[in-house]
Amino acid sequence: MKLIALGFTALLVTGSVFAADAAPAANVIHDKTGFFVHLDVAKVLSSTDTYGQCGVVPAQLRYLDHQDRVHVLDYQVQGTGCTNDN
């Protein structure tokens, strides 16, 4: 019985350690969209590829500011894959 309790305790501790490793991802700053949003972009990490998509589609921009903090900006963009566009 003590072996089962010890194993269960070890499992809980291991889960807590892995949960603590996932915490730094919460440091991402989600910027609000809107008109006249001033962004402090030092380096673009990634952006959504909208090639081949038609209509207004959601897009995301991940970037670093000048203080090396990660930001995420969600916005809407017109796709470039519509066959009837001129």
PDB file of N, CA and C in Angstrom:
ATOM      1  N   MET A   1       0.820  -1.188   0.000  1.00  0.00           N
ATOM      2  CA  MET A   1       0.000   0.000   0.000  1.00  0.00           C
ATOM      3  C   MET A   1       0.870   1.261   0.000  1.00  0.00           C
ATOM      4  N   LYS A   2       1.962   1.209   0.764  1.00  0.00           N
ATOM      5  CA  LYS A   2       2.858   2.365   0.798  1.00  0.00           C
ATOM      6  C   LYS A   2       3.498   2.586  -0.567  1.00  0.00           C
ATOM      7  N   LEU A   3       3.749   1.504  -1.309  1.00  0.00           N
ATOM      8  CA  LEU A   3       4.355   1.612  -2.623  1.00  0.00           C
ATOM      9  C   LEU A   3       3.401   2.308  -3.602  1.00  0.00           C
ATOM     10  N   ILE A   4       2.119   2.010  -3.499  1.00  0.00           N
ATOM     11  CA  ILE A   4       1.132   2.662  -4.359  1.00  0.00           C
ATOM     12  C   ILE A   4       1.043   4.151  -4.027  1.00  0.00           C
ATOM     13  N   ALA A   5       1.021   4.490  -2.746  1.00  0.00           N
ATOM     14  CA  ALA A   5       0.963   5.893  -2.334  1.00  0.00           C
ATOM     15  C   ALA A   5       2.214   6.641  -2.784  1.00  0.00           C
ATOM     16  N   LEU A   6       3.376   5.995  -2.689  1.00  0.00           N
ATOM     17  CA  LEU A   6       4.629   6.623  -3.117  1.00  0.00           C
ATOM     18  C   LEU A   6       4.618   6.839  -4.627  1.00  0.00           C
ATOM     19  N   GLY A   7       4.126   5.861  -5.380  1.00  0.00           N
ATOM     20  CA  GLY A   7       4.036   5.995  -6.833  1.00  0.00           C
ATOM     21  C   GLY A   7       3.085   7.104  -7.240  1.00  0.00           C
ATOM     22  N   PHE A   8       1.949   7.211  -6.561  1.00  0.00           N
ATOM     23  CA  PHE A   8       0.986   8.263  -6.860  1.00  0.00           C
ATOM     24  C   PHE A   8       1.565   9.643  -6.555  1.00  0.00           C
ATOM     25  N   THR A   9       2.282   9.756  -5.454  1.00  0.00           N
ATOM     26  CA  THR A   9       2.915  11.026  -5.093  1.00  0.00           C
ATOM     27  C   THR A   9       3.969  11.413  -6.128  1.00  0.00           C
ATOM     28  N   ALA A  10       4.756  10.434  -6.580  1.00  0.00           N
ATOM     29  CA  ALA A  10       5.765  10.703  -7.608  1.00  0.00           C
ATOM     30  C   ALA A  10       5.111  11.167  -8.901  1.00  0.00           C
ATOM     31  N   LEU A  11       3.969  10.581  -9.248  1.00  0.00           N
ATOM     32  CA  LEU A  11       3.247  10.981 -10.451  1.00  0.00           C
ATOM     33  C   LEU A  11       2.752  12.419 -10.342  1.00  0.00           C
ATOM     34  N   LEU A  12       2.230  12.801  -9.190  1.00  0.00           N
ATOM     35  CA  LEU A  12       1.761  14.178  -8.986  1.00  0.00           C
ATOM     36  C   LEU A  12       2.905  15.177  -9.063  1.00  0.00           C
ATOM     37  N   VAL A  13       4.045  14.837  -8.465  1.00  0.00           N
ATOM     38  CA  VAL A  13       5.196  15.739  -8.493  1.00  0.00           C
ATOM     39  C   VAL A  13       5.709  15.894  -9.918  1.00  0.00           C
ATOM     40  N   THR A  14       5.766  14.803 -10.668  1.00  0.00           N
ATOM     41  CA  THR A  14       6.222  14.862 -12.052  1.00  0.00           C
ATOM     42  C   THR A  14       5.289  15.724 -12.889  1.00  0.00           C
ATOM     43  N   GLY A  15       3.998  15.588 -12.694  1.00  0.00           N
ATOM     44  CA  GLY A  15       3.045  16.422 -13.424  1.00  0.00           C
ATOM     45  C   GLY A  15       3.191  17.887 -13.092  1.00  0.00           C
ATOM     46  N   SER A  16       3.495  18.201 -11.843  1.00  0.00           N
ATOM     47  CA  SER A  16       3.689  19.589 -11.445  1.00  0.00           C
ATOM     48  C   SER A  16       4.933  20.172 -12.088  1.00  0.00           C
ATOM     49  N   VAL A  17       5.977  19.380 -12.213  1.00  0.00           N
ATOM     50  CA  VAL A  17       7.214  19.860 -12.841  1.00  0.00           C
ATOM     51  C   VAL A  17       6.968  20.173 -14.310  1.00  0.00           C
ATOM     52  N   PHE A  18       6.256  19.293 -15.020  1.00  0.00           N
ATOM     53  CA  PHE A  18       5.982  19.544 -16.432  1.00  0.00           C
ATOM     54  C   PHE A  18       5.035  20.723 -16.608  1.00  0.00           C
ATOM     55  N   ALA A  19       4.131  20.926 -15.708  1.00  0.00           N
ATOM     56  CA  ALA A  19       3.228  22.075 -15.789  1.00  0.00           C
ATOM     57  C   ALA A  19       3.986  23.371 -15.563  1.00  0.00           C
ATOM     58  N   ALA A  20       5.013  23.355 -14.727  1.00  0.00           N
ATOM     59  CA  ALA A  20       5.806  24.554 -14.482  1.00  0.00           C
ATOM     60  C   ALA A  20       6.620  24.921 -15.712  1.00  0.00           C
ATOM     61  N   ASP A  21       7.029  23.924 -16.529  1.00  0.00           N
ATOM     62  CA  ASP A  21       7.788  24.224 -17.736  1.00  0.00           C
ATOM     63  C   ASP A  21       6.932  24.907 -18.793  1.00  0.00           C
ATOM     64  N   ALA A  22       5.642  24.704 -18.767  1.00  0.00           N
ATOM     65  CA  ALA A  22       4.751  25.293 -19.756  1.00  0.00           C
ATOM     66  C   ALA A  22       4.397  26.739 -19.420  1.00  0.00           C
ATOM     67  N   ALA A  23       4.708  27.216 -18.256  1.00  0.00           N
ATOM     68  CA  ALA A  23       4.327  28.556 -17.821  1.00  0.00           C
ATOM     69  C   ALA A  23       4.961  29.680 -18.620  1.00  0.00           C
ATOM     70  N   PRO A  24       6.230  29.606 -19.089  1.00  0.00           N
ATOM     71  CA  PRO A  24       6.789  30.735 -19.835  1.00  0.00           C
ATOM     72  C   PRO A  24       6.023  31.082 -21.105  1.00  0.00           C
ATOM     73  N   ALA A  25       5.252  30.168 -21.669  1.00  0.00           N
ATOM     74  CA  ALA A  25       4.465  30.483 -22.856  1.00  0.00           C
ATOM     75  C   ALA A  25       3.364  31.492 -22.539  1.00  0.00           C
ATOM     76  N   ALA A  26       3.008  31.636 -21.267  1.00  0.00           N
ATOM     77  CA  ALA A  26       1.977  32.591 -20.878  1.00  0.00           C
ATOM     78  C   ALA A  26       2.494  34.026 -20.905  1.00  0.00           C
ATOM     79  N   ASN A  27       3.775  34.223 -21.143  1.00  0.00           N
ATOM     80  CA  ASN A  27       4.347  35.561 -21.184  1.00  0.00           C
ATOM     81  C   ASN A  27       4.133  36.249 -22.523  1.00  0.00           C
ATOM     82  N   VAL A  28       3.417  35.615 -23.429  1.00  0.00           N
ATOM     83  CA  VAL A  28       3.125  36.206 -24.727  1.00  0.00           C
ATOM     84  C   VAL A  28       2.074  37.287 -24.548  1.00  0.00           C
ATOM     85  N   ILE A  29       2.316  38.448 -25.139  1.00  0.00           N
ATOM     86  CA  ILE A  29       1.396  39.581 -25.037  1.00  0.00           C
ATOM     87  C   ILE A  29       0.495  39.573 -26.263  1.00  0.00           C
ATOM     88  N   HIS A  30      -0.817  39.542 -26.058  1.00  0.00           N
ATOM     89  CA  HIS A  30      -1.775  39.577 -27.160  1.00  0.00           C
ATOM     90  C   HIS A  30      -2.213  41.022 -27.368  1.00  0.00           C
ATOM     91  N   ASP A  31      -1.836  41.573 -28.521  1.00  0.00           N
ATOM     92  CA  ASP A  31      -2.191  42.952 -28.837  1.00  0.00           C
ATOM     93  C   ASP A  31      -3.628  43.022 -29.341  1.00  0.00           C
ATOM     94  N   LYS A  32      -4.278  44.158 -29.106  1.00  0.00           N
ATOM     95  CA  LYS A  32      -5.643  44.354 -29.556  1.00  0.00           C
ATOM     96  C   LYS A  32      -5.617  44.970 -30.946  1.00  0.00           C
ATOM     97  N   THR A  33      -6.517  44.499 -31.785  1.00  0.00           N
ATOM     98  CA  THR A  33      -6.593  45.047 -33.131  1.00  0.00           C
ATOM     99  C   THR A  33      -7.450  46.299 -33.126  1.00  0.00           C
ATOM    100  N   GLY A  34      -7.306  47.093 -34.134  1.00  0.00           N
ATOM    101  CA  GLY A  34      -8.086  48.309 -34.260  1.00  0.00           C
ATOM    102  C   GLY A  34      -7.350  49.293 -35.141  1.00  0.00           C
ATOM    103  N   PHE A  35      -8.001  50.385 -35.423  1.00  0.00           N
ATOM    104  CA  PHE A  35      -7.377  51.412 -36.224  1.00  0.00           C
ATOM    105  C   PHE A  35      -6.349  52.168 -35.395  1.00  0.00           C
ATOM    106  N   PHE A  36      -5.288  52.582 -36.036  1.00  0.00           N
ATOM    107  CA  PHE A  36      -4.234  53.396 -35.428  1.00  0.00           C
ATOM    108  C   PHE A  36      -3.569  52.698 -34.241  1.00  0.00           C
ATOM    109  N   VAL A  37      -3.290  51.406 -34.395  1.00  0.00           N
ATOM    110  CA  VAL A  37      -2.559  50.664 -33.375  1.00  0.00           C
ATOM    111  C   VAL A  37      -1.073  50.839 -33.662  1.00  0.00           C
ATOM    112  N   HIS A  38      -0.340  51.394 -32.714  1.00  0.00           N
ATOM    113  CA  HIS A  38       1.094  51.594 -32.877  1.00  0.00           C
ATOM    114  C   HIS A  38       1.815  50.364 -32.347  1.00  0.00           C
ATOM    115  N   LEU A  39       2.530  49.670 -33.236  1.00  0.00           N
ATOM    116  CA  LEU A  39       3.234  48.455 -32.871  1.00  0.00           C
ATOM    117  C   LEU A  39       4.719  48.741 -32.738  1.00  0.00           C
ATOM    118  N   ASP A  40       5.345  48.157 -31.740  1.00  0.00           N
ATOM    119  CA  ASP A  40       6.785  48.269 -31.519  1.00  0.00           C
ATOM    120  C   ASP A  40       7.420  46.969 -32.018  1.00  0.00           C
ATOM    121  N   VAL A  41       7.696  46.897 -33.317  1.00  0.00           N
ATOM    122  CA  VAL A  41       8.188  45.669 -33.926  1.00  0.00           C
ATOM    123  C   VAL A  41       9.692  45.792 -34.147  1.00  0.00           C
ATOM    124  N   ALA A  42      10.443  44.934 -33.461  1.00  0.00           N
ATOM    125  CA  ALA A  42      11.881  44.867 -33.682  1.00  0.00           C
ATOM    126  C   ALA A  42      12.226  43.743 -34.645  1.00  0.00           C
ATOM    127  N   LYS A  43      11.509  42.616 -34.538  1.00  0.00           N
ATOM    128  CA  LYS A  43      11.769  41.465 -35.393  1.00  0.00           C
ATOM    129  C   LYS A  43      10.482  40.666 -35.556  1.00  0.00           C
ATOM    130  N   VAL A  44      10.146  40.332 -36.800  1.00  0.00           N
ATOM    131  CA  VAL A  44       8.976  39.504 -37.078  1.00  0.00           C
ATOM    132  C   VAL A  44       9.386  38.045 -36.924  1.00  0.00           C
ATOM    133  N   LEU A  45       8.673  37.310 -36.076  1.00  0.00           N
ATOM    134  CA  LEU A  45       8.952  35.896 -35.869  1.00  0.00           C
ATOM    135  C   LEU A  45       8.211  35.033 -36.880  1.00  0.00           C
ATOM    136  N   SER A  46       6.939  35.315 -37.105  1.00  0.00           N
ATOM    137  CA  SER A  46       6.155  34.568 -38.088  1.00  0.00           C
ATOM    138  C   SER A  46       4.909  35.353 -38.439  1.00  0.00           C
ATOM    139  N   SER A  47       4.352  35.018 -39.597  1.00  0.00           N
ATOM    140  CA  SER A  47       3.084  35.596 -40.009  1.00  0.00           C
ATOM    141  C   SER A  47       2.318  34.542 -40.802  1.00  0.00           C
ATOM    142  N   THR A  48       1.007  34.688 -40.848  1.00  0.00           N
ATOM    143  CA  THR A  48       0.150  33.729 -41.517  1.00  0.00           C
ATOM    144  C   THR A  48       0.280  33.886 -43.023  1.00  0.00           C
ATOM    145  N   ASP A  49       0.427  32.762 -43.725  1.00  0.00           N
ATOM    146  CA  ASP A  49       0.478  32.761 -45.180  1.00  0.00           C
ATOM    147  C   ASP A  49      -0.946  32.674 -45.711  1.00  0.00           C
ATOM    148  N   THR A  50      -1.405  33.705 -46.386  1.00  0.00           N
ATOM    149  CA  THR A  50      -2.771  33.726 -46.902  1.00  0.00           C
ATOM    150  C   THR A  50      -2.813  33.446 -48.395  1.00  0.00           C
ATOM    151  N   TYR A  51      -1.721  33.001 -48.974  1.00  0.00           N
ATOM    152  CA  TYR A  51      -1.702  32.686 -50.396  1.00  0.00           C
ATOM    153  C   TYR A  51      -2.614  31.489 -50.665  1.00  0.00           C
ATOM    154  N   GLY A  52      -3.448  31.608 -51.665  1.00  0.00           N
ATOM    155  CA  GLY A  52      -4.343  30.523 -52.022  1.00  0.00           C
ATOM    156  C   GLY A  52      -5.665  30.540 -51.278  1.00  0.00           C
ATOM    157  N   GLN A  53      -5.860  31.481 -50.359  1.00  0.00           N
ATOM    158  CA  GLN A  53      -7.125  31.585 -49.629  1.00  0.00           C
ATOM    159  C   GLN A  53      -7.939  32.721 -50.221  1.00  0.00           C
ATOM    160  N   CYS A  54      -9.233  32.534 -50.280  1.00  0.00           N
ATOM    161  CA  CYS A  54     -10.113  33.515 -50.899  1.00  0.00           C
ATOM    162  C   CYS A  54     -10.993  34.175 -49.836  1.00  0.00           C
ATOM    163  N   GLY A  55     -11.216  35.463 -49.989  1.00  0.00           N
ATOM    164  CA  GLY A  55     -12.082  36.193 -49.073  1.00  0.00           C
ATOM    165  C   GLY A  55     -11.306  36.721 -47.879  1.00  0.00           C
ATOM    166  N   VAL A  56     -12.041  37.206 -46.902  1.00  0.00           N
ATOM    167  CA  VAL A  56     -11.443  37.724 -45.676  1.00  0.00           C
ATOM    168  C   VAL A  56     -11.153  36.545 -44.753  1.00  0.00           C
ATOM    169  N   VAL A  57      -9.883  36.415 -44.368  1.00  0.00           N
ATOM    170  CA  VAL A  57      -9.460  35.274 -43.554  1.00  0.00           C
ATOM    171  C   VAL A  57      -8.719  35.784 -42.321  1.00  0.00           C
ATOM    172  N   PRO A  58      -8.740  35.021 -41.224  1.00  0.00           N
ATOM    173  CA  PRO A  58      -7.980  35.428 -40.039  1.00  0.00           C
ATOM    174  C   PRO A  58      -6.487  35.231 -40.272  1.00  0.00           C
ATOM    175  N   ALA A  59      -5.700  36.135 -39.734  1.00  0.00           N
ATOM    176  CA  ALA A  59      -4.249  36.061 -39.846  1.00  0.00           C
ATOM    177  C   ALA A  59      -3.645  36.384 -38.489  1.00  0.00           C
ATOM    178  N   GLN A  60      -2.381  36.028 -38.327  1.00  0.00           N
ATOM    179  CA  GLN A  60      -1.699  36.255 -37.056  1.00  0.00           C
ATOM    180  C   GLN A  60      -0.259  36.690 -37.322  1.00  0.00           C
ATOM    181  N   LEU A  61       0.199  37.659 -36.558  1.00  0.00           N
ATOM    182  CA  LEU A  61       1.568  38.150 -36.630  1.00  0.00           C
ATOM    183  C   LEU A  61       2.210  37.955 -35.267  1.00  0.00           C
ATOM    184  N   ARG A  62       3.327  37.222 -35.241  1.00  0.00           N
ATOM    185  CA  ARG A  62       4.108  37.035 -34.009  1.00  0.00           C
ATOM    186  C   ARG A  62       5.390  37.829 -34.178  1.00  0.00           C
ATOM    187  N   TYR A  63       5.713  38.679 -33.196  1.00  0.00           N
ATOM    188  CA  TYR A  63       6.902  39.515 -33.314  1.00  0.00           C
ATOM    189  C   TYR A  63       7.512  39.806 -31.956  1.00  0.00           C
ATOM    190  N   LEU A  64       8.743  40.273 -31.994  1.00  0.00           N
ATOM    191  CA  LEU A  64       9.451  40.733 -30.802  1.00  0.00           C
ATOM    192  C   LEU A  64       9.467  42.245 -30.794  1.00  0.00           C
ATOM    193  N   ASP A  65       9.254  42.836 -29.613  1.00  0.00           N
ATOM    194  CA  ASP A  65       9.402  44.280 -29.509  1.00  0.00           C
ATOM    195  C   ASP A  65      10.856  44.610 -29.159  1.00  0.00           C
ATOM    196  N   HIS A  66      11.155  45.877 -28.960  1.00  0.00           N
ATOM    197  CA  HIS A  66      12.539  46.290 -28.687  1.00  0.00           C
ATOM    198  C   HIS A  66      13.024  45.902 -27.292  1.00  0.00           C
ATOM    199  N   GLN A  67      12.143  45.359 -26.458  1.00  0.00           N
ATOM    200  CA  GLN A  67      12.537  44.839 -25.144  1.00  0.00           C
ATOM    201  C   GLN A  67      12.562  43.313 -25.153  1.00  0.00           C
ATOM    202  N   ASP A  68      12.570  42.711 -26.346  1.00  0.00           N
ATOM    203  CA  ASP A  68      12.605  41.254 -26.550  1.00  0.00           C
ATOM    204  C   ASP A  68      11.426  40.527 -25.911  1.00  0.00           C
ATOM    205  N   ARG A  69      10.265  41.151 -25.920  1.00  0.00           N
ATOM    206  CA  ARG A  69       9.042  40.492 -25.469  1.00  0.00           C
ATOM    207  C   ARG A  69       8.273  40.017 -26.689  1.00  0.00           C
ATOM    208  N   VAL A  70       7.670  38.835 -26.596  1.00  0.00           N
ATOM    209  CA  VAL A  70       6.927  38.262 -27.714  1.00  0.00           C
ATOM    210  C   VAL A  70       5.503  38.803 -27.707  1.00  0.00           C
ATOM    211  N   HIS A  71       5.044  39.262 -28.873  1.00  0.00           N
ATOM    212  CA  HIS A  71       3.685  39.767 -29.048  1.00  0.00           C
ATOM    213  C   HIS A  71       2.987  38.934 -30.114  1.00  0.00           C
ATOM    214  N   VAL A  72       1.667  38.829 -29.996  1.00  0.00           N
ATOM    215  CA  VAL A  72       0.831  38.179 -31.003  1.00  0.00           C
ATOM    216  C   VAL A  72      -0.281  39.151 -31.373  1.00  0.00           C
ATOM    217  N   LEU A  73      -0.433  39.374 -32.668  1.00  0.00           N
ATOM    218  CA  LEU A  73      -1.491  40.257 -33.163  1.00  0.00           C
ATOM    219  C   LEU A  73      -2.385  39.446 -34.089  1.00  0.00           C
ATOM    220  N   ASP A  74      -3.659  39.295 -33.729  1.00  0.00           N
ATOM    221  CA  ASP A  74      -4.642  38.618 -34.568  1.00  0.00           C
ATOM    222  C   ASP A  74      -5.424  39.680 -35.329  1.00  0.00           C
ATOM    223  N   TYR A  75      -5.587  39.459 -36.642  1.00  0.00           N
ATOM    224  CA  TYR A  75      -6.282  40.436 -37.464  1.00  0.00           C
ATOM    225  C   TYR A  75      -6.929  39.721 -38.649  1.00  0.00           C
ATOM    226  N   GLN A  76      -7.720  40.439 -39.410  1.00  0.00           N
ATOM    227  CA  GLN A  76      -8.375  39.923 -40.610  1.00  0.00           C
ATOM    228  C   GLN A  76      -7.679  40.518 -41.837  1.00  0.00           C
ATOM    229  N   VAL A  77      -7.526  39.698 -42.883  1.00  0.00           N
ATOM    230  CA  VAL A  77      -6.859  40.151 -44.093  1.00  0.00           C
ATOM    231  C   VAL A  77      -7.575  39.554 -45.312  1.00  0.00           C
ATOM    232  N   GLN A  78      -7.515  40.249 -46.427  1.00  0.00           N
ATOM    233  CA  GLN A  78      -8.095  39.743 -47.674  1.00  0.00           C
ATOM    234  C   GLN A  78      -7.126  38.740 -48.288  1.00  0.00           C
ATOM    235  N   GLY A  79      -7.576  37.508 -48.495  1.00  0.00           N
ATOM    236  CA  GLY A  79      -6.765  36.491 -49.133  1.00  0.00           C
ATOM    237  C   GLY A  79      -6.471  36.829 -50.585  1.00  0.00           C
ATOM    238  N   THR A  80      -5.404  36.282 -51.135  1.00  0.00           N
ATOM    239  CA  THR A  80      -4.990  36.595 -52.498  1.00  0.00           C
ATOM    240  C   THR A  80      -5.262  35.462 -53.468  1.00  0.00           C
ATOM    241  N   GLY A  81      -6.026  34.446 -53.073  1.00  0.00           N
ATOM    242  CA  GLY A  81      -6.213  33.280 -53.923  1.00  0.00           C
ATOM    243  C   GLY A  81      -7.512  33.225 -54.679  1.00  0.00           C
ATOM    244  N   CYS A  82      -8.262  34.310 -54.711  1.00  0.00           N
ATOM    245  CA  CYS A  82      -9.537  34.292 -55.432  1.00  0.00           C
ATOM    246  C   CYS A  82      -9.269  34.306 -56.935  1.00  0.00           C
ATOM    247  N   THR A  83      -9.921  33.409 -57.654  1.00  0.00           N
ATOM    248  CA  THR A  83      -9.661  33.302 -59.095  1.00  0.00           C
ATOM    249  C   THR A  83     -10.297  34.417 -59.897  1.00  0.00           C
ATOM    250  N   ASN A  84     -11.312  35.092 -59.374  1.00  0.00           N
ATOM    251  CA  ASN A  84     -11.984  36.140 -60.131  1.00  0.00           C
ATOM    252  C   ASN A  84     -11.467  37.538 -59.802  1.00  0.00           C
ATOM    253  N   ASP A  85     -10.381  37.653 -59.032  1.00  0.00           N
ATOM    254  CA  ASP A  85      -9.813  38.970 -58.741  1.00  0.00           C
ATOM    255  C   ASP A  85      -8.994  39.455 -59.928  1.00  0.00           C
ATOM    256  N   ASN A  86      -9.010  40.746 -60.145  1.00  0.00           N
ATOM    257  CA  ASN A  86      -8.212  41.328 -61.234  1.00  0.00           C
ATOM    258  C   ASN A  86      -6.933  41.868 -60.700  1.00  0.00           C
TER     259      ASN A  86
END
